[in-house]
Amino acid sequence: MKIYNTRIDLVKDLVNTSSICAELGVLYGSYAQHIFNQNPKQLYLVDLWNSSMPCGDDDGNDLKWYDHEYCLFEIKRKFENKENVIITQKDSVSFLKQCEDNFFDFIYIDTTHTYHDTLIELELSYLKCKTGGYICGHDFDLNSDRCKSYYEFYVDKAVYEFCYKYNQKIFGIAMDGCSSFVIKKSVN
């Protein structure tokens, strides 16, 4: 298993100029910027941007409330002239259902963190991701050395169940305070 110090290191390793990427759950775009910095062929930024919600830094600390209307405004401003960026205001499941199968090289999930939603997103991402592509997500587990808060996420349960059901393996982990998982899609 590959261990990354941060999810920024993860994206630097897995995304390149031929990658077609999607970030599901963008909020104000801090991680989207890191994906964009790798100059992917296409980057889909998908979020509902329809309510205010709290969010911490990459380690899960310094929780702040973000207004989604303002976040969407900032995303549009930041990426408005970037031809390889497609901004979609839609829920992740509806977005993935409309995409063609075997299309993406890299999908990063950072939405509701509920077991049910995450499992559905993983199953749809499996269909939409190319063989050898990467299905990743945030808030997989808490790294107590970095995260000083406690959150009750169910991403780990969904990931383990998905891997078992589809005979997939966790390829890597990024060790931020709220760690990220990486599954490299294989065909069995």
N, C-alpha and C. Protein backbone atom coordinates (compact mmCIF):
# COMPACT_ATOMS: atom_id res chain seq x y z
N MET A 1 0.84 -1.18 0.00
CA MET A 1 0.00 0.00 0.00
C MET A 1 0.88 1.24 0.00
N LYS A 2 0.49 2.21 -0.81
CA LYS A 2 1.23 3.46 -0.90
C LYS A 2 0.76 4.40 0.21
N ILE A 3 1.69 5.02 0.89
CA ILE A 3 1.37 5.98 1.94
C ILE A 3 1.83 7.36 1.48
N TYR A 4 0.89 8.30 1.48
CA TYR A 4 1.17 9.69 1.13
C TYR A 4 1.11 10.51 2.42
N ASN A 5 1.98 11.48 2.54
CA ASN A 5 1.94 12.33 3.72
C ASN A 5 0.66 13.17 3.75
N THR A 6 0.24 13.67 2.56
CA THR A 6 -0.97 14.48 2.47
C THR A 6 -1.72 14.14 1.19
N ARG A 7 -2.97 14.61 1.13
CA ARG A 7 -3.75 14.38 -0.09
C ARG A 7 -3.24 15.24 -1.24
N ILE A 8 -2.47 16.26 -0.95
CA ILE A 8 -1.82 17.04 -2.01
C ILE A 8 -0.75 16.17 -2.67
N ASP A 9 0.02 15.42 -1.88
CA ASP A 9 1.00 14.50 -2.45
C ASP A 9 0.31 13.43 -3.29
N LEU A 10 -0.84 12.98 -2.83
CA LEU A 10 -1.63 11.97 -3.55
C LEU A 10 -1.97 12.46 -4.95
N VAL A 11 -2.52 13.67 -5.04
CA VAL A 11 -2.94 14.17 -6.35
C VAL A 11 -1.73 14.44 -7.25
N LYS A 12 -0.62 14.86 -6.69
CA LYS A 12 0.59 15.08 -7.49
C LYS A 12 1.08 13.78 -8.11
N ASP A 13 0.86 12.67 -7.42
CA ASP A 13 1.30 11.37 -7.91
C ASP A 13 0.34 10.76 -8.93
N LEU A 14 -0.96 11.00 -8.77
CA LEU A 14 -1.96 10.26 -9.54
C LEU A 14 -2.55 11.02 -10.73
N VAL A 15 -2.42 12.34 -10.77
CA VAL A 15 -3.04 13.13 -11.85
C VAL A 15 -1.95 13.71 -12.74
N ASN A 16 -2.18 13.61 -14.06
CA ASN A 16 -1.24 14.19 -15.02
C ASN A 16 -2.00 14.86 -16.16
N THR A 17 -1.30 15.30 -17.17
CA THR A 17 -1.91 16.09 -18.25
C THR A 17 -2.88 15.30 -19.12
N SER A 18 -2.88 13.99 -19.05
CA SER A 18 -3.84 13.21 -19.83
C SER A 18 -5.04 12.77 -18.99
N SER A 19 -5.08 13.15 -17.73
CA SER A 19 -6.13 12.71 -16.81
C SER A 19 -7.45 13.46 -17.01
N ILE A 20 -8.54 12.70 -16.96
CA ILE A 20 -9.88 13.26 -16.88
C ILE A 20 -10.33 13.03 -15.45
N CYS A 21 -10.59 14.13 -14.73
CA CYS A 21 -10.81 14.08 -13.29
C CYS A 21 -12.17 14.64 -12.90
N ALA A 22 -12.64 14.21 -11.73
CA ALA A 22 -13.83 14.79 -11.13
C ALA A 22 -13.60 14.91 -9.63
N GLU A 23 -13.99 16.06 -9.09
CA GLU A 23 -14.06 16.20 -7.65
C GLU A 23 -15.53 16.33 -7.30
N LEU A 24 -16.01 15.43 -6.46
CA LEU A 24 -17.41 15.44 -6.02
C LEU A 24 -17.45 15.99 -4.61
N GLY A 25 -18.01 17.19 -4.46
CA GLY A 25 -17.98 17.87 -3.18
C GLY A 25 -16.81 18.83 -3.17
N VAL A 26 -17.01 20.03 -3.65
CA VAL A 26 -15.93 20.97 -3.92
C VAL A 26 -15.83 22.07 -2.87
N LEU A 27 -16.96 22.46 -2.32
CA LEU A 27 -17.08 23.56 -1.37
C LEU A 27 -16.43 24.82 -1.94
N TYR A 28 -15.36 25.31 -1.36
CA TYR A 28 -14.75 26.55 -1.84
C TYR A 28 -13.54 26.32 -2.75
N GLY A 29 -13.21 25.07 -3.03
CA GLY A 29 -12.25 24.78 -4.09
C GLY A 29 -10.80 24.67 -3.71
N SER A 30 -10.48 24.50 -2.42
CA SER A 30 -9.05 24.42 -2.07
C SER A 30 -8.41 23.17 -2.67
N TYR A 31 -9.09 22.02 -2.61
CA TYR A 31 -8.50 20.81 -3.20
C TYR A 31 -8.62 20.84 -4.73
N ALA A 32 -9.69 21.43 -5.23
CA ALA A 32 -9.84 21.58 -6.68
C ALA A 32 -8.65 22.31 -7.27
N GLN A 33 -8.14 23.29 -6.56
CA GLN A 33 -6.98 24.04 -7.04
C GLN A 33 -5.76 23.13 -7.16
N HIS A 34 -5.58 22.21 -6.20
CA HIS A 34 -4.44 21.29 -6.27
C HIS A 34 -4.58 20.31 -7.44
N ILE A 35 -5.81 19.86 -7.69
CA ILE A 35 -6.03 18.99 -8.86
C ILE A 35 -5.74 19.79 -10.14
N PHE A 36 -6.28 21.00 -10.21
CA PHE A 36 -6.07 21.85 -11.38
C PHE A 36 -4.59 22.12 -11.63
N ASN A 37 -3.82 22.28 -10.57
CA ASN A 37 -2.38 22.57 -10.70
C ASN A 37 -1.62 21.45 -11.41
N GLN A 38 -2.20 20.26 -11.49
CA GLN A 38 -1.56 19.15 -12.21
C GLN A 38 -1.87 19.20 -13.71
N ASN A 39 -2.64 20.21 -14.11
CA ASN A 39 -2.99 20.45 -15.51
C ASN A 39 -3.66 19.23 -16.17
N PRO A 40 -4.75 18.73 -15.56
CA PRO A 40 -5.44 17.60 -16.18
C PRO A 40 -6.10 18.00 -17.49
N LYS A 41 -6.35 17.00 -18.32
CA LYS A 41 -7.03 17.25 -19.59
C LYS A 41 -8.40 17.87 -19.34
N GLN A 42 -9.15 17.31 -18.37
CA GLN A 42 -10.45 17.86 -17.98
C GLN A 42 -10.62 17.70 -16.48
N LEU A 43 -11.28 18.67 -15.87
CA LEU A 43 -11.58 18.63 -14.44
C LEU A 43 -13.03 19.04 -14.24
N TYR A 44 -13.84 18.10 -13.75
CA TYR A 44 -15.24 18.35 -13.44
C TYR A 44 -15.34 18.66 -11.95
N LEU A 45 -15.91 19.81 -11.62
CA LEU A 45 -16.11 20.22 -10.24
C LEU A 45 -17.61 20.15 -9.97
N VAL A 46 -18.00 19.25 -9.06
CA VAL A 46 -19.41 18.94 -8.85
C VAL A 46 -19.79 19.16 -7.39
N ASP A 47 -20.82 19.97 -7.17
CA ASP A 47 -21.31 20.22 -5.82
C ASP A 47 -22.72 20.80 -5.96
N LEU A 48 -23.53 20.64 -4.93
CA LEU A 48 -24.85 21.26 -4.93
C LEU A 48 -24.78 22.76 -4.63
N TRP A 49 -23.83 23.15 -3.81
CA TRP A 49 -23.69 24.54 -3.40
C TRP A 49 -25.06 25.12 -3.04
N ASN A 50 -25.79 24.43 -2.15
CA ASN A 50 -27.15 24.88 -1.86
C ASN A 50 -27.43 25.14 -0.38
N SER A 51 -26.42 25.09 0.47
CA SER A 51 -26.65 25.36 1.89
C SER A 51 -25.32 25.76 2.53
N SER A 52 -25.41 26.20 3.76
CA SER A 52 -24.19 26.51 4.51
C SER A 52 -23.82 25.27 5.32
N MET A 53 -22.53 25.06 5.48
CA MET A 53 -22.10 23.90 6.26
C MET A 53 -20.73 24.13 6.85
N PRO A 54 -20.41 23.39 7.92
CA PRO A 54 -19.08 23.54 8.50
C PRO A 54 -18.06 22.69 7.76
N CYS A 55 -16.83 23.14 7.78
CA CYS A 55 -15.74 22.39 7.16
C CYS A 55 -14.44 22.76 7.87
N GLY A 56 -13.61 21.76 8.11
CA GLY A 56 -12.31 22.01 8.72
C GLY A 56 -11.22 22.06 7.67
N ASP A 57 -10.00 22.27 8.10
CA ASP A 57 -8.86 22.24 7.19
C ASP A 57 -8.56 20.79 6.81
N ASP A 58 -7.48 20.55 6.07
CA ASP A 58 -7.16 19.19 5.62
C ASP A 58 -6.99 18.20 6.77
N ASP A 59 -6.62 18.70 7.93
CA ASP A 59 -6.46 17.83 9.09
C ASP A 59 -7.71 17.76 9.94
N GLY A 60 -8.79 18.42 9.54
CA GLY A 60 -10.04 18.37 10.28
C GLY A 60 -10.12 19.37 11.42
N ASN A 61 -9.19 20.28 11.49
CA ASN A 61 -9.16 21.27 12.56
C ASN A 61 -9.68 22.61 12.05
N ASP A 62 -9.82 23.56 12.96
CA ASP A 62 -10.24 24.92 12.62
C ASP A 62 -11.55 24.96 11.85
N LEU A 63 -12.56 24.30 12.40
CA LEU A 63 -13.87 24.22 11.78
C LEU A 63 -14.47 25.62 11.56
N LYS A 64 -14.93 25.86 10.33
CA LYS A 64 -15.56 27.13 9.97
C LYS A 64 -16.83 26.84 9.18
N TRP A 65 -17.75 27.78 9.24
CA TRP A 65 -18.98 27.68 8.45
C TRP A 65 -18.77 28.39 7.12
N TYR A 66 -19.23 27.76 6.04
CA TYR A 66 -19.09 28.33 4.70
C TYR A 66 -20.46 28.50 4.07
N ASP A 67 -20.69 29.66 3.49
CA ASP A 67 -21.91 29.93 2.75
C ASP A 67 -21.73 29.41 1.32
N HIS A 68 -22.61 28.51 0.93
CA HIS A 68 -22.44 27.86 -0.37
C HIS A 68 -22.62 28.80 -1.56
N GLU A 69 -23.49 29.78 -1.43
CA GLU A 69 -23.63 30.74 -2.54
C GLU A 69 -22.31 31.48 -2.78
N TYR A 70 -21.67 31.86 -1.70
CA TYR A 70 -20.38 32.53 -1.82
C TYR A 70 -19.33 31.57 -2.38
N CYS A 71 -19.35 30.32 -1.91
CA CYS A 71 -18.39 29.33 -2.42
C CYS A 71 -18.55 29.13 -3.93
N LEU A 72 -19.79 29.01 -4.40
CA LEU A 72 -20.03 28.85 -5.84
C LEU A 72 -19.54 30.08 -6.60
N PHE A 73 -19.80 31.26 -6.07
CA PHE A 73 -19.32 32.49 -6.69
C PHE A 73 -17.80 32.46 -6.82
N GLU A 74 -17.12 32.04 -5.77
CA GLU A 74 -15.65 31.98 -5.77
C GLU A 74 -15.13 30.93 -6.74
N ILE A 75 -15.79 29.77 -6.81
CA ILE A 75 -15.39 28.71 -7.75
C ILE A 75 -15.50 29.24 -9.18
N LYS A 76 -16.61 29.88 -9.48
CA LYS A 76 -16.80 30.41 -10.84
C LYS A 76 -15.76 31.48 -11.15
N ARG A 77 -15.48 32.34 -10.19
CA ARG A 77 -14.48 33.39 -10.39
C ARG A 77 -13.09 32.78 -10.61
N LYS A 78 -12.75 31.80 -9.79
CA LYS A 78 -11.42 31.20 -9.84
C LYS A 78 -11.17 30.42 -11.13
N PHE A 79 -12.21 29.75 -11.63
CA PHE A 79 -12.02 28.85 -12.78
C PHE A 79 -12.77 29.30 -14.04
N GLU A 80 -13.27 30.53 -14.07
CA GLU A 80 -14.12 30.97 -15.17
C GLU A 80 -13.45 30.94 -16.54
N ASN A 81 -12.19 31.18 -16.63
CA ASN A 81 -11.51 31.21 -17.93
C ASN A 81 -10.65 29.98 -18.18
N LYS A 82 -10.89 28.93 -17.43
CA LYS A 82 -10.11 27.69 -17.57
C LYS A 82 -10.90 26.72 -18.44
N GLU A 83 -10.45 26.56 -19.68
CA GLU A 83 -11.19 25.75 -20.65
C GLU A 83 -11.30 24.28 -20.26
N ASN A 84 -10.38 23.78 -19.45
CA ASN A 84 -10.43 22.36 -19.08
C ASN A 84 -11.23 22.10 -17.81
N VAL A 85 -11.89 23.13 -17.25
CA VAL A 85 -12.68 22.98 -16.03
C VAL A 85 -14.16 23.12 -16.34
N ILE A 86 -14.96 22.14 -15.89
CA ILE A 86 -16.40 22.15 -16.08
C ILE A 86 -17.03 22.17 -14.69
N ILE A 87 -17.76 23.24 -14.38
CA ILE A 87 -18.40 23.40 -13.08
C ILE A 87 -19.85 22.94 -13.21
N THR A 88 -20.26 22.01 -12.34
CA THR A 88 -21.60 21.45 -12.41
C THR A 88 -22.26 21.55 -11.04
N GLN A 89 -23.36 22.28 -10.97
CA GLN A 89 -24.11 22.40 -9.72
C GLN A 89 -25.18 21.32 -9.72
N LYS A 90 -24.80 20.18 -9.12
CA LYS A 90 -25.67 19.00 -9.15
C LYS A 90 -25.20 18.07 -8.05
N ASP A 91 -26.09 17.19 -7.59
CA ASP A 91 -25.64 16.19 -6.61
C ASP A 91 -24.77 15.14 -7.31
N SER A 92 -23.90 14.53 -6.56
CA SER A 92 -22.89 13.62 -7.11
C SER A 92 -23.51 12.41 -7.81
N VAL A 93 -24.58 11.87 -7.26
CA VAL A 93 -25.20 10.67 -7.84
C VAL A 93 -25.81 11.00 -9.20
N SER A 94 -26.55 12.09 -9.29
CA SER A 94 -27.13 12.49 -10.59
C SER A 94 -26.04 12.77 -11.61
N PHE A 95 -24.98 13.43 -11.17
CA PHE A 95 -23.86 13.72 -12.08
C PHE A 95 -23.25 12.43 -12.61
N LEU A 96 -22.90 11.50 -11.71
CA LEU A 96 -22.25 10.26 -12.13
C LEU A 96 -23.15 9.44 -13.05
N LYS A 97 -24.44 9.40 -12.77
CA LYS A 97 -25.37 8.64 -13.62
C LYS A 97 -25.40 9.15 -15.05
N GLN A 98 -25.16 10.45 -15.25
CA GLN A 98 -25.21 11.01 -16.61
C GLN A 98 -23.90 10.82 -17.37
N CYS A 99 -22.83 10.45 -16.68
CA CYS A 99 -21.52 10.29 -17.33
C CYS A 99 -21.41 8.92 -18.00
N GLU A 100 -20.61 8.87 -19.04
CA GLU A 100 -20.40 7.59 -19.72
C GLU A 100 -19.51 6.69 -18.87
N ASP A 101 -19.68 5.40 -19.04
CA ASP A 101 -18.85 4.43 -18.32
C ASP A 101 -17.41 4.51 -18.80
N ASN A 102 -16.48 4.14 -17.92
CA ASN A 102 -15.05 4.08 -18.23
C ASN A 102 -14.52 5.42 -18.78
N PHE A 103 -14.93 6.51 -18.18
CA PHE A 103 -14.59 7.84 -18.67
C PHE A 103 -13.48 8.52 -17.86
N PHE A 104 -13.52 8.38 -16.54
CA PHE A 104 -12.61 9.13 -15.68
C PHE A 104 -11.33 8.35 -15.35
N ASP A 105 -10.26 9.10 -15.16
CA ASP A 105 -8.99 8.55 -14.69
C ASP A 105 -8.85 8.75 -13.18
N PHE A 106 -9.56 9.74 -12.64
CA PHE A 106 -9.41 10.11 -11.23
C PHE A 106 -10.71 10.71 -10.74
N ILE A 107 -11.29 10.12 -9.70
CA ILE A 107 -12.49 10.65 -9.07
C ILE A 107 -12.19 10.81 -7.58
N TYR A 108 -12.48 11.99 -7.05
CA TYR A 108 -12.25 12.26 -5.64
C TYR A 108 -13.59 12.61 -4.99
N ILE A 109 -13.98 11.82 -3.98
CA ILE A 109 -15.27 11.95 -3.31
C ILE A 109 -15.09 12.66 -1.97
N ASP A 110 -15.81 13.76 -1.80
CA ASP A 110 -15.76 14.51 -0.54
C ASP A 110 -17.12 15.18 -0.32
N THR A 111 -18.17 14.36 -0.21
CA THR A 111 -19.53 14.90 -0.15
C THR A 111 -20.11 14.78 1.27
N THR A 112 -21.12 13.95 1.44
CA THR A 112 -21.85 13.90 2.71
C THR A 112 -21.16 13.08 3.81
N HIS A 113 -20.31 12.15 3.43
CA HIS A 113 -19.60 11.25 4.34
C HIS A 113 -20.51 10.25 5.03
N THR A 114 -21.74 10.12 4.57
CA THR A 114 -22.61 9.10 5.14
C THR A 114 -22.30 7.75 4.48
N TYR A 115 -22.60 6.69 5.19
CA TYR A 115 -22.36 5.35 4.67
C TYR A 115 -23.12 5.13 3.37
N HIS A 116 -24.42 5.41 3.38
CA HIS A 116 -25.28 5.15 2.23
C HIS A 116 -24.83 5.94 1.00
N ASP A 117 -24.65 7.25 1.16
CA ASP A 117 -24.24 8.08 0.02
C ASP A 117 -22.87 7.67 -0.50
N THR A 118 -21.94 7.41 0.40
CA THR A 118 -20.59 7.04 -0.02
C THR A 118 -20.59 5.72 -0.78
N LEU A 119 -21.37 4.75 -0.32
CA LEU A 119 -21.43 3.46 -1.01
C LEU A 119 -21.99 3.62 -2.42
N ILE A 120 -23.04 4.39 -2.57
CA ILE A 120 -23.60 4.65 -3.90
C ILE A 120 -22.58 5.37 -4.79
N GLU A 121 -21.91 6.38 -4.25
CA GLU A 121 -20.89 7.11 -5.02
C GLU A 121 -19.74 6.19 -5.44
N LEU A 122 -19.33 5.29 -4.56
CA LEU A 122 -18.27 4.34 -4.90
C LEU A 122 -18.71 3.40 -6.01
N GLU A 123 -19.92 2.88 -5.91
CA GLU A 123 -20.40 1.94 -6.94
C GLU A 123 -20.55 2.62 -8.30
N LEU A 124 -21.07 3.84 -8.31
CA LEU A 124 -21.17 4.57 -9.57
C LEU A 124 -19.79 4.96 -10.10
N SER A 125 -18.90 5.36 -9.21
CA SER A 125 -17.54 5.72 -9.63
C SER A 125 -16.83 4.52 -10.24
N TYR A 126 -17.09 3.34 -9.72
CA TYR A 126 -16.49 2.12 -10.26
C TYR A 126 -16.89 1.93 -11.73
N LEU A 127 -18.15 2.24 -12.05
CA LEU A 127 -18.61 2.13 -13.44
C LEU A 127 -18.01 3.22 -14.33
N LYS A 128 -17.85 4.41 -13.77
CA LYS A 128 -17.45 5.57 -14.55
C LYS A 128 -15.93 5.74 -14.66
N CYS A 129 -15.19 5.02 -13.84
CA CYS A 129 -13.73 5.12 -13.83
C CYS A 129 -13.12 4.07 -14.77
N LYS A 130 -12.09 4.44 -15.47
CA LYS A 130 -11.38 3.51 -16.35
C LYS A 130 -10.65 2.46 -15.53
N THR A 131 -10.43 1.30 -16.09
CA THR A 131 -9.58 0.31 -15.45
C THR A 131 -8.18 0.90 -15.30
N GLY A 132 -7.63 0.79 -14.10
CA GLY A 132 -6.34 1.41 -13.81
C GLY A 132 -6.47 2.83 -13.30
N GLY A 133 -7.70 3.37 -13.34
CA GLY A 133 -7.95 4.71 -12.82
C GLY A 133 -8.11 4.67 -11.31
N TYR A 134 -8.29 5.83 -10.71
CA TYR A 134 -8.29 5.95 -9.25
C TYR A 134 -9.60 6.50 -8.73
N ILE A 135 -10.16 5.80 -7.76
CA ILE A 135 -11.32 6.25 -7.02
C ILE A 135 -10.81 6.60 -5.63
N CYS A 136 -10.94 7.86 -5.28
CA CYS A 136 -10.36 8.35 -4.02
C CYS A 136 -11.43 9.09 -3.23
N GLY A 137 -11.13 9.33 -1.97
CA GLY A 137 -12.06 10.11 -1.17
C GLY A 137 -11.46 10.57 0.13
N HIS A 138 -12.06 11.60 0.67
CA HIS A 138 -11.61 12.24 1.90
C HIS A 138 -12.37 11.68 3.10
N ASP A 139 -11.85 11.94 4.29
CA ASP A 139 -12.50 11.60 5.56
C ASP A 139 -12.70 10.10 5.73
N PHE A 140 -11.70 9.34 5.30
CA PHE A 140 -11.72 7.88 5.43
C PHE A 140 -11.53 7.47 6.88
N ASP A 141 -10.64 8.14 7.57
CA ASP A 141 -10.34 7.82 8.96
C ASP A 141 -9.72 9.05 9.60
N LEU A 142 -9.69 9.07 10.91
CA LEU A 142 -9.07 10.19 11.62
C LEU A 142 -7.67 9.80 12.06
N ASN A 143 -6.72 10.66 11.78
CA ASN A 143 -5.34 10.49 12.22
C ASN A 143 -5.19 11.33 13.49
N SER A 144 -5.20 10.67 14.63
CA SER A 144 -5.23 11.39 15.90
C SER A 144 -3.99 12.25 16.14
N ASP A 145 -2.90 11.97 15.44
CA ASP A 145 -1.72 12.82 15.58
C ASP A 145 -1.92 14.19 14.94
N ARG A 146 -2.83 14.27 13.97
CA ARG A 146 -3.05 15.53 13.26
C ARG A 146 -4.41 16.15 13.53
N CYS A 147 -5.42 15.33 13.73
CA CYS A 147 -6.79 15.84 13.94
C CYS A 147 -7.08 15.94 15.43
N LYS A 148 -7.36 17.13 15.86
CA LYS A 148 -7.63 17.37 17.29
C LYS A 148 -9.12 17.33 17.60
N SER A 149 -9.95 17.11 16.60
CA SER A 149 -11.40 17.04 16.77
C SER A 149 -11.86 15.61 16.59
N TYR A 150 -13.11 15.35 16.93
CA TYR A 150 -13.69 14.03 16.69
C TYR A 150 -14.87 14.18 15.74
N TYR A 151 -14.89 13.37 14.71
CA TYR A 151 -15.99 13.35 13.77
C TYR A 151 -16.46 11.91 13.62
N GLU A 152 -17.73 11.76 13.36
CA GLU A 152 -18.26 10.42 13.16
C GLU A 152 -18.63 10.27 11.68
N PHE A 153 -17.66 9.82 10.90
CA PHE A 153 -17.87 9.57 9.49
C PHE A 153 -18.06 8.07 9.28
N TYR A 154 -18.70 7.73 8.18
CA TYR A 154 -18.93 6.32 7.86
C TYR A 154 -18.32 5.95 6.52
N VAL A 155 -17.38 6.77 6.07
CA VAL A 155 -16.71 6.53 4.80
C VAL A 155 -15.95 5.20 4.85
N ASP A 156 -15.25 4.93 5.95
CA ASP A 156 -14.45 3.71 6.05
C ASP A 156 -15.31 2.46 5.90
N LYS A 157 -16.46 2.44 6.54
CA LYS A 157 -17.36 1.28 6.44
C LYS A 157 -17.80 1.06 4.99
N ALA A 158 -18.16 2.15 4.30
CA ALA A 158 -18.58 2.04 2.90
C ALA A 158 -17.43 1.57 2.02
N VAL A 159 -16.23 2.08 2.25
CA VAL A 159 -15.06 1.70 1.44
C VAL A 159 -14.75 0.21 1.63
N TYR A 160 -14.72 -0.25 2.86
CA TYR A 160 -14.42 -1.67 3.11
C TYR A 160 -15.49 -2.58 2.49
N GLU A 161 -16.74 -2.20 2.62
CA GLU A 161 -17.81 -3.01 2.03
C GLU A 161 -17.71 -3.01 0.51
N PHE A 162 -17.45 -1.84 -0.08
CA PHE A 162 -17.30 -1.74 -1.53
C PHE A 162 -16.14 -2.62 -2.01
N CYS A 163 -14.99 -2.52 -1.34
CA CYS A 163 -13.82 -3.31 -1.74
C CYS A 163 -14.12 -4.81 -1.67
N TYR A 164 -14.80 -5.23 -0.65
CA TYR A 164 -15.15 -6.65 -0.50
C TYR A 164 -16.11 -7.08 -1.62
N LYS A 165 -17.15 -6.29 -1.85
CA LYS A 165 -18.17 -6.64 -2.84
C LYS A 165 -17.61 -6.69 -4.26
N TYR A 166 -16.69 -5.78 -4.60
CA TYR A 166 -16.16 -5.66 -5.95
C TYR A 166 -14.75 -6.20 -6.10
N ASN A 167 -14.26 -6.87 -5.07
CA ASN A 167 -12.92 -7.47 -5.07
C ASN A 167 -11.84 -6.44 -5.44
N GLN A 168 -11.92 -5.29 -4.79
CA GLN A 168 -10.95 -4.21 -4.99
C GLN A 168 -10.09 -4.08 -3.73
N LYS A 169 -8.97 -3.40 -3.86
CA LYS A 169 -8.07 -3.22 -2.73
C LYS A 169 -7.77 -1.74 -2.55
N ILE A 170 -7.50 -1.37 -1.32
CA ILE A 170 -7.05 -0.01 -1.06
C ILE A 170 -5.61 0.08 -1.53
N PHE A 171 -5.38 0.96 -2.48
CA PHE A 171 -4.07 1.14 -3.11
C PHE A 171 -3.18 2.07 -2.29
N GLY A 172 -3.82 3.07 -1.65
CA GLY A 172 -3.03 4.04 -0.90
C GLY A 172 -3.87 4.80 0.11
N ILE A 173 -3.16 5.45 1.00
CA ILE A 173 -3.76 6.29 2.04
C ILE A 173 -2.95 7.59 2.13
N ALA A 174 -3.65 8.72 2.20
CA ALA A 174 -2.99 10.01 2.48
C ALA A 174 -3.25 10.31 3.94
N MET A 175 -2.20 10.61 4.67
CA MET A 175 -2.25 10.66 6.13
C MET A 175 -2.55 12.04 6.71
N ASP A 176 -3.41 12.84 6.05
CA ASP A 176 -3.87 14.07 6.65
C ASP A 176 -4.64 13.71 7.93
N GLY A 177 -5.03 14.71 8.71
CA GLY A 177 -5.80 14.44 9.92
C GLY A 177 -7.08 13.69 9.63
N CYS A 178 -7.76 14.05 8.54
CA CYS A 178 -8.89 13.29 8.01
C CYS A 178 -8.37 12.62 6.75
N SER A 179 -7.92 11.39 6.89
CA SER A 179 -7.17 10.74 5.81
C SER A 179 -8.02 10.50 4.56
N SER A 180 -7.32 10.30 3.45
CA SER A 180 -7.95 9.99 2.17
C SER A 180 -7.57 8.58 1.76
N PHE A 181 -8.49 7.91 1.08
CA PHE A 181 -8.23 6.57 0.55
C PHE A 181 -8.03 6.65 -0.96
N VAL A 182 -7.33 5.65 -1.49
CA VAL A 182 -7.16 5.51 -2.94
C VAL A 182 -7.45 4.05 -3.30
N ILE A 183 -8.34 3.85 -4.23
CA ILE A 183 -8.60 2.53 -4.80
C ILE A 183 -8.21 2.62 -6.27
N LYS A 184 -7.32 1.74 -6.70
CA LYS A 184 -6.96 1.67 -8.12
C LYS A 184 -7.85 0.61 -8.75
N LYS A 185 -8.71 1.03 -9.67
CA LYS A 185 -9.70 0.11 -10.24
C LYS A 185 -9.02 -1.02 -10.99
N SER A 186 -9.35 -2.23 -10.59
CA SER A 186 -8.86 -3.42 -11.28
C SER A 186 -10.04 -4.23 -11.76
N VAL A 187 -9.81 -5.05 -12.76
CA VAL A 187 -10.84 -5.93 -13.28
C VAL A 187 -10.51 -7.33 -12.81
N ASN A 188 -11.51 -8.01 -12.32
CA ASN A 188 -11.28 -9.36 -11.78
C ASN A 188 -11.86 -10.44 -12.64
